[in-house]
Amino acid sequence: MVSFDGFRPEGSEPIYLQIVGYIKRGIVAGEIPSGDELPSRRMLSALLGVNPNTVQKACRMLEEERILVSHTGAKSFVTYTPEKRDELRVELLAAGAKASVLALKRLGITLEEAVALIGRAWEEDEKE
């Protein structure tokens, strides 16, 4: 069953989007295998302390993206192909890159400075 122990709502992003992002990141990280059961919407709502409609909206989005399979009165399961997992990985990386670029631009960092910063961070990470 998908665990939400690490889920902590933060920031200004709507909670339903945070739930969707949490599941997508879990898939990409290999923490949520295809076929894992999702807690019931009522249970997840109580567990996270959010309105059931919030959980329902997140589930509906995941169903539309074909990441969650649900049947009325039955359990819901996370499902994806390796290709879908790769697609999610690219989506999350692109969103992270865009957020980083916007933050750097707001700080007045030039493209050249940004590339140098990333290069240094990359090298430091390889040393660890």
N, C-alpha and C. Protein backbone atom coordinates (compact mmCIF):
# COMPACT_ATOMS: atom_id res chain seq x y z
N MET A 1 0.85 -1.19 0.00
CA MET A 1 0.00 0.00 0.00
C MET A 1 0.89 1.24 0.00
N VAL A 2 0.46 2.24 -0.76
CA VAL A 2 1.21 3.50 -0.84
C VAL A 2 1.21 4.14 0.54
N SER A 3 2.40 4.47 1.02
CA SER A 3 2.54 5.11 2.33
C SER A 3 2.62 6.62 2.15
N PHE A 4 1.93 7.32 3.01
CA PHE A 4 1.98 8.78 2.99
C PHE A 4 2.68 9.31 4.22
N ASP A 5 3.53 8.48 4.83
CA ASP A 5 4.26 8.90 6.03
C ASP A 5 5.13 10.12 5.78
N GLY A 6 5.70 10.21 4.58
CA GLY A 6 6.59 11.33 4.27
C GLY A 6 5.90 12.54 3.70
N PHE A 7 4.58 12.50 3.57
CA PHE A 7 3.85 13.63 2.98
C PHE A 7 3.69 14.74 3.99
N ARG A 8 4.17 15.93 3.62
CA ARG A 8 4.02 17.12 4.46
C ARG A 8 3.57 18.27 3.58
N PRO A 9 2.30 18.68 3.68
CA PRO A 9 1.85 19.80 2.85
C PRO A 9 2.60 21.08 3.24
N GLU A 10 3.14 21.77 2.23
CA GLU A 10 3.85 23.01 2.48
C GLU A 10 3.72 23.94 1.29
N GLY A 11 3.96 25.19 1.54
CA GLY A 11 3.94 26.17 0.46
C GLY A 11 2.55 26.59 0.06
N SER A 12 2.49 27.30 -1.06
CA SER A 12 1.21 27.86 -1.51
C SER A 12 0.52 27.00 -2.55
N GLU A 13 1.18 25.93 -3.01
CA GLU A 13 0.57 25.06 -4.01
C GLU A 13 -0.64 24.34 -3.39
N PRO A 14 -1.76 24.25 -4.11
CA PRO A 14 -2.93 23.55 -3.56
C PRO A 14 -2.57 22.12 -3.13
N ILE A 15 -3.18 21.67 -2.06
CA ILE A 15 -2.85 20.36 -1.48
C ILE A 15 -3.11 19.23 -2.47
N TYR A 16 -4.16 19.33 -3.27
CA TYR A 16 -4.43 18.24 -4.21
C TYR A 16 -3.27 18.09 -5.20
N LEU A 17 -2.65 19.20 -5.60
CA LEU A 17 -1.49 19.13 -6.49
C LEU A 17 -0.27 18.58 -5.75
N GLN A 18 -0.18 18.87 -4.46
CA GLN A 18 0.91 18.32 -3.67
C GLN A 18 0.78 16.80 -3.54
N ILE A 19 -0.45 16.32 -3.41
CA ILE A 19 -0.69 14.87 -3.35
C ILE A 19 -0.29 14.22 -4.68
N VAL A 20 -0.72 14.83 -5.78
CA VAL A 20 -0.36 14.32 -7.10
C VAL A 20 1.16 14.29 -7.26
N GLY A 21 1.82 15.37 -6.90
CA GLY A 21 3.28 15.44 -7.00
C GLY A 21 3.97 14.41 -6.13
N TYR A 22 3.44 14.17 -4.94
CA TYR A 22 4.01 13.19 -4.02
C TYR A 22 3.98 11.80 -4.65
N ILE A 23 2.88 11.46 -5.26
CA ILE A 23 2.76 10.14 -5.90
C ILE A 23 3.68 10.06 -7.12
N LYS A 24 3.71 11.10 -7.92
CA LYS A 24 4.59 11.09 -9.09
C LYS A 24 6.05 10.95 -8.68
N ARG A 25 6.47 11.70 -7.66
CA ARG A 25 7.86 11.60 -7.20
C ARG A 25 8.15 10.21 -6.65
N GLY A 26 7.17 9.62 -5.97
CA GLY A 26 7.34 8.26 -5.45
C GLY A 26 7.51 7.24 -6.56
N ILE A 27 6.77 7.43 -7.65
CA ILE A 27 6.90 6.54 -8.81
C ILE A 27 8.29 6.68 -9.42
N VAL A 28 8.71 7.91 -9.67
CA VAL A 28 10.00 8.16 -10.31
C VAL A 28 11.15 7.66 -9.44
N ALA A 29 11.02 7.81 -8.12
CA ALA A 29 12.07 7.37 -7.20
C ALA A 29 12.07 5.86 -6.98
N GLY A 30 11.06 5.17 -7.51
CA GLY A 30 10.99 3.73 -7.32
C GLY A 30 10.39 3.32 -5.99
N GLU A 31 9.82 4.26 -5.25
CA GLU A 31 9.23 3.99 -3.95
C GLU A 31 7.79 3.48 -4.05
N ILE A 32 7.14 3.76 -5.18
CA ILE A 32 5.76 3.32 -5.40
C ILE A 32 5.76 2.44 -6.65
N PRO A 33 5.74 1.13 -6.45
CA PRO A 33 5.72 0.25 -7.62
C PRO A 33 4.33 0.20 -8.26
N SER A 34 4.32 -0.10 -9.56
CA SER A 34 3.05 -0.28 -10.25
C SER A 34 2.31 -1.43 -9.59
N GLY A 35 1.03 -1.23 -9.34
CA GLY A 35 0.22 -2.24 -8.68
C GLY A 35 -0.02 -1.97 -7.20
N ASP A 36 0.69 -0.99 -6.64
CA ASP A 36 0.49 -0.63 -5.23
C ASP A 36 -0.92 -0.09 -5.02
N GLU A 37 -1.52 -0.50 -3.93
CA GLU A 37 -2.86 -0.04 -3.57
C GLU A 37 -2.79 1.32 -2.90
N LEU A 38 -3.72 2.18 -3.23
CA LEU A 38 -3.84 3.47 -2.59
C LEU A 38 -4.84 3.33 -1.44
N PRO A 39 -4.58 3.98 -0.29
CA PRO A 39 -5.59 3.95 0.77
C PRO A 39 -6.91 4.49 0.23
N SER A 40 -8.03 4.09 0.84
CA SER A 40 -9.32 4.62 0.39
C SER A 40 -9.31 6.14 0.50
N ARG A 41 -10.14 6.77 -0.27
CA ARG A 41 -10.18 8.23 -0.25
C ARG A 41 -10.54 8.74 1.14
N ARG A 42 -11.47 8.09 1.79
CA ARG A 42 -11.87 8.49 3.14
C ARG A 42 -10.70 8.33 4.12
N MET A 43 -10.00 7.19 4.02
CA MET A 43 -8.87 6.94 4.91
C MET A 43 -7.74 7.94 4.63
N LEU A 44 -7.47 8.20 3.38
CA LEU A 44 -6.40 9.13 3.02
C LEU A 44 -6.74 10.54 3.48
N SER A 45 -7.99 10.92 3.35
CA SER A 45 -8.45 12.23 3.82
C SER A 45 -8.20 12.38 5.32
N ALA A 46 -8.55 11.36 6.08
CA ALA A 46 -8.36 11.39 7.53
C ALA A 46 -6.87 11.38 7.88
N LEU A 47 -6.11 10.56 7.17
CA LEU A 47 -4.68 10.43 7.43
C LEU A 47 -3.95 11.75 7.20
N LEU A 48 -4.32 12.45 6.12
CA LEU A 48 -3.65 13.71 5.78
C LEU A 48 -4.30 14.93 6.43
N GLY A 49 -5.48 14.73 7.01
CA GLY A 49 -6.18 15.84 7.65
C GLY A 49 -6.68 16.87 6.65
N VAL A 50 -7.15 16.37 5.50
CA VAL A 50 -7.66 17.28 4.47
C VAL A 50 -9.09 16.90 4.11
N ASN A 51 -9.75 17.80 3.43
CA ASN A 51 -11.12 17.57 2.99
C ASN A 51 -11.17 16.41 2.01
N PRO A 52 -12.17 15.53 2.12
CA PRO A 52 -12.28 14.41 1.17
C PRO A 52 -12.34 14.87 -0.29
N ASN A 53 -12.91 16.04 -0.55
CA ASN A 53 -12.97 16.55 -1.92
C ASN A 53 -11.57 16.84 -2.47
N THR A 54 -10.65 17.22 -1.58
CA THR A 54 -9.27 17.47 -1.98
C THR A 54 -8.63 16.17 -2.47
N VAL A 55 -8.82 15.10 -1.72
CA VAL A 55 -8.28 13.79 -2.09
C VAL A 55 -8.95 13.32 -3.39
N GLN A 56 -10.25 13.52 -3.48
CA GLN A 56 -10.98 13.11 -4.68
C GLN A 56 -10.45 13.82 -5.92
N LYS A 57 -10.16 15.12 -5.79
CA LYS A 57 -9.64 15.88 -6.92
C LYS A 57 -8.27 15.36 -7.34
N ALA A 58 -7.41 15.05 -6.37
CA ALA A 58 -6.08 14.49 -6.68
C ALA A 58 -6.22 13.15 -7.39
N CYS A 59 -7.11 12.30 -6.89
CA CYS A 59 -7.32 10.99 -7.50
C CYS A 59 -7.86 11.11 -8.92
N ARG A 60 -8.76 12.04 -9.12
CA ARG A 60 -9.32 12.24 -10.45
C ARG A 60 -8.22 12.66 -11.43
N MET A 61 -7.33 13.54 -10.99
CA MET A 61 -6.22 13.97 -11.84
C MET A 61 -5.30 12.79 -12.18
N LEU A 62 -5.00 11.97 -11.18
CA LEU A 62 -4.14 10.81 -11.41
C LEU A 62 -4.81 9.80 -12.34
N GLU A 63 -6.13 9.68 -12.23
CA GLU A 63 -6.87 8.79 -13.15
C GLU A 63 -6.81 9.32 -14.58
N GLU A 64 -6.95 10.64 -14.73
CA GLU A 64 -6.90 11.25 -16.05
C GLU A 64 -5.54 11.06 -16.70
N GLU A 65 -4.50 11.03 -15.88
CA GLU A 65 -3.14 10.83 -16.39
C GLU A 65 -2.80 9.34 -16.51
N ARG A 66 -3.76 8.50 -16.21
CA ARG A 66 -3.61 7.04 -16.29
C ARG A 66 -2.52 6.52 -15.35
N ILE A 67 -2.45 7.13 -14.16
CA ILE A 67 -1.51 6.70 -13.13
C ILE A 67 -2.26 5.94 -12.03
N LEU A 68 -3.55 6.16 -11.95
CA LEU A 68 -4.38 5.52 -10.94
C LEU A 68 -5.57 4.87 -11.61
N VAL A 69 -5.86 3.64 -11.21
CA VAL A 69 -7.02 2.93 -11.73
C VAL A 69 -7.97 2.73 -10.56
N SER A 70 -9.19 3.21 -10.72
CA SER A 70 -10.21 3.11 -9.67
C SER A 70 -11.50 2.57 -10.26
N HIS A 71 -12.21 1.83 -9.43
CA HIS A 71 -13.54 1.35 -9.79
C HIS A 71 -14.45 1.66 -8.62
N THR A 72 -15.67 2.08 -8.90
CA THR A 72 -16.61 2.43 -7.85
C THR A 72 -16.78 1.28 -6.87
N GLY A 73 -16.59 1.59 -5.60
CA GLY A 73 -16.75 0.58 -4.55
C GLY A 73 -15.61 -0.40 -4.43
N ALA A 74 -14.57 -0.21 -5.24
CA ALA A 74 -13.42 -1.12 -5.19
C ALA A 74 -12.16 -0.33 -4.83
N LYS A 75 -11.07 -1.04 -4.68
CA LYS A 75 -9.80 -0.41 -4.33
C LYS A 75 -9.22 0.32 -5.54
N SER A 76 -8.35 1.27 -5.25
CA SER A 76 -7.64 2.01 -6.29
C SER A 76 -6.19 1.56 -6.29
N PHE A 77 -5.62 1.46 -7.49
CA PHE A 77 -4.25 1.00 -7.63
C PHE A 77 -3.45 1.96 -8.50
N VAL A 78 -2.19 2.18 -8.10
CA VAL A 78 -1.26 2.94 -8.92
C VAL A 78 -0.84 2.01 -10.05
N THR A 79 -0.82 2.53 -11.26
CA THR A 79 -0.42 1.72 -12.40
C THR A 79 0.32 2.58 -13.41
N TYR A 80 1.38 2.05 -13.95
CA TYR A 80 2.14 2.77 -14.96
C TYR A 80 3.07 1.81 -15.67
N THR A 81 3.45 2.21 -16.86
CA THR A 81 4.42 1.45 -17.65
C THR A 81 5.80 2.08 -17.42
N PRO A 82 6.86 1.38 -17.80
CA PRO A 82 8.19 2.00 -17.71
C PRO A 82 8.26 3.30 -18.53
N GLU A 83 7.56 3.33 -19.65
CA GLU A 83 7.56 4.54 -20.48
C GLU A 83 6.87 5.70 -19.75
N LYS A 84 5.78 5.41 -19.05
CA LYS A 84 5.08 6.44 -18.29
C LYS A 84 5.96 6.95 -17.15
N ARG A 85 6.67 6.04 -16.48
CA ARG A 85 7.59 6.44 -15.41
C ARG A 85 8.66 7.38 -15.97
N ASP A 86 9.20 7.06 -17.15
CA ASP A 86 10.21 7.92 -17.78
C ASP A 86 9.62 9.28 -18.15
N GLU A 87 8.38 9.27 -18.62
CA GLU A 87 7.68 10.52 -18.96
C GLU A 87 7.50 11.39 -17.71
N LEU A 88 7.14 10.76 -16.59
CA LEU A 88 6.98 11.50 -15.33
C LEU A 88 8.32 12.07 -14.86
N ARG A 89 9.38 11.29 -15.05
CA ARG A 89 10.71 11.74 -14.66
C ARG A 89 11.07 13.02 -15.42
N VAL A 90 10.86 13.02 -16.72
CA VAL A 90 11.16 14.20 -17.54
C VAL A 90 10.28 15.38 -17.10
N GLU A 91 9.01 15.11 -16.85
CA GLU A 91 8.08 16.16 -16.40
C GLU A 91 8.56 16.80 -15.10
N LEU A 92 8.94 15.98 -14.13
CA LEU A 92 9.39 16.51 -12.84
C LEU A 92 10.72 17.25 -12.97
N LEU A 93 11.63 16.71 -13.77
CA LEU A 93 12.91 17.39 -13.98
C LEU A 93 12.72 18.75 -14.66
N ALA A 94 11.83 18.79 -15.65
CA ALA A 94 11.57 20.05 -16.36
C ALA A 94 10.96 21.09 -15.41
N ALA A 95 10.04 20.65 -14.58
CA ALA A 95 9.41 21.58 -13.62
C ALA A 95 10.44 22.08 -12.61
N GLY A 96 11.30 21.21 -12.14
CA GLY A 96 12.36 21.62 -11.20
C GLY A 96 13.34 22.58 -11.84
N ALA A 97 13.70 22.29 -13.09
CA ALA A 97 14.63 23.17 -13.80
C ALA A 97 14.02 24.55 -14.00
N LYS A 98 12.75 24.58 -14.37
CA LYS A 98 12.07 25.87 -14.59
C LYS A 98 12.02 26.68 -13.30
N ALA A 99 11.68 26.02 -12.19
CA ALA A 99 11.63 26.72 -10.90
C ALA A 99 13.00 27.26 -10.52
N SER A 100 14.04 26.49 -10.77
CA SER A 100 15.40 26.92 -10.46
C SER A 100 15.79 28.12 -11.33
N VAL A 101 15.47 28.07 -12.61
CA VAL A 101 15.79 29.18 -13.52
C VAL A 101 15.08 30.45 -13.06
N LEU A 102 13.81 30.34 -12.72
CA LEU A 102 13.08 31.53 -12.26
C LEU A 102 13.70 32.12 -10.99
N ALA A 103 14.09 31.23 -10.06
CA ALA A 103 14.70 31.71 -8.82
C ALA A 103 16.04 32.39 -9.09
N LEU A 104 16.84 31.80 -9.97
CA LEU A 104 18.13 32.41 -10.31
C LEU A 104 17.94 33.76 -11.01
N LYS A 105 16.98 33.85 -11.91
CA LYS A 105 16.72 35.12 -12.61
C LYS A 105 16.27 36.20 -11.64
N ARG A 106 15.44 35.81 -10.67
CA ARG A 106 14.97 36.79 -9.67
C ARG A 106 16.13 37.32 -8.83
N LEU A 107 17.17 36.51 -8.69
CA LEU A 107 18.34 36.93 -7.93
C LEU A 107 19.34 37.72 -8.80
N GLY A 108 19.00 37.88 -10.08
CA GLY A 108 19.87 38.63 -10.97
C GLY A 108 21.06 37.83 -11.48
N ILE A 109 20.99 36.52 -11.41
CA ILE A 109 22.07 35.65 -11.87
C ILE A 109 22.01 35.54 -13.39
N THR A 110 23.15 35.70 -14.04
CA THR A 110 23.19 35.55 -15.50
C THR A 110 23.25 34.06 -15.86
N LEU A 111 23.03 33.75 -17.13
CA LEU A 111 23.11 32.38 -17.60
C LEU A 111 24.50 31.80 -17.34
N GLU A 112 25.53 32.58 -17.61
CA GLU A 112 26.91 32.12 -17.40
C GLU A 112 27.16 31.82 -15.93
N GLU A 113 26.69 32.70 -15.04
CA GLU A 113 26.85 32.47 -13.60
C GLU A 113 26.08 31.23 -13.16
N ALA A 114 24.88 31.05 -13.71
CA ALA A 114 24.06 29.89 -13.36
C ALA A 114 24.74 28.59 -13.77
N VAL A 115 25.30 28.57 -14.98
CA VAL A 115 25.99 27.37 -15.46
C VAL A 115 27.20 27.08 -14.57
N ALA A 116 27.92 28.11 -14.18
CA ALA A 116 29.09 27.92 -13.30
C ALA A 116 28.65 27.38 -11.93
N LEU A 117 27.55 27.93 -11.39
CA LEU A 117 27.04 27.46 -10.10
C LEU A 117 26.64 25.98 -10.18
N ILE A 118 25.95 25.62 -11.24
CA ILE A 118 25.52 24.24 -11.41
C ILE A 118 26.74 23.33 -11.56
N GLY A 119 27.72 23.77 -12.32
CA GLY A 119 28.94 22.99 -12.49
C GLY A 119 29.65 22.74 -11.17
N ARG A 120 29.77 23.77 -10.35
CA ARG A 120 30.42 23.60 -9.03
C ARG A 120 29.62 22.66 -8.15
N ALA A 121 28.30 22.83 -8.13
CA ALA A 121 27.46 21.95 -7.30
C ALA A 121 27.57 20.51 -7.78
N TRP A 122 27.63 20.32 -9.09
CA TRP A 122 27.74 18.97 -9.66
C TRP A 122 29.04 18.31 -9.20
N GLU A 123 30.13 19.08 -9.29
CA GLU A 123 31.45 18.56 -8.90
C GLU A 123 31.50 18.26 -7.40
N GLU A 124 30.93 19.15 -6.58
CA GLU A 124 30.92 18.92 -5.13
C GLU A 124 30.14 17.66 -4.78
N ASP A 125 29.04 17.44 -5.48
CA ASP A 125 28.22 16.25 -5.21
C ASP A 125 29.00 14.98 -5.56
N GLU A 126 29.78 15.02 -6.63
CA GLU A 126 30.56 13.84 -7.04
C GLU A 126 31.65 13.51 -6.04
N LYS A 127 32.11 14.51 -5.29
CA LYS A 127 33.17 14.29 -4.27
C LYS A 127 32.62 13.60 -3.03
N GLU A 128 31.32 13.76 -2.79
CA GLU A 128 30.72 13.22 -1.56
C GLU A 128 30.48 11.73 -1.64
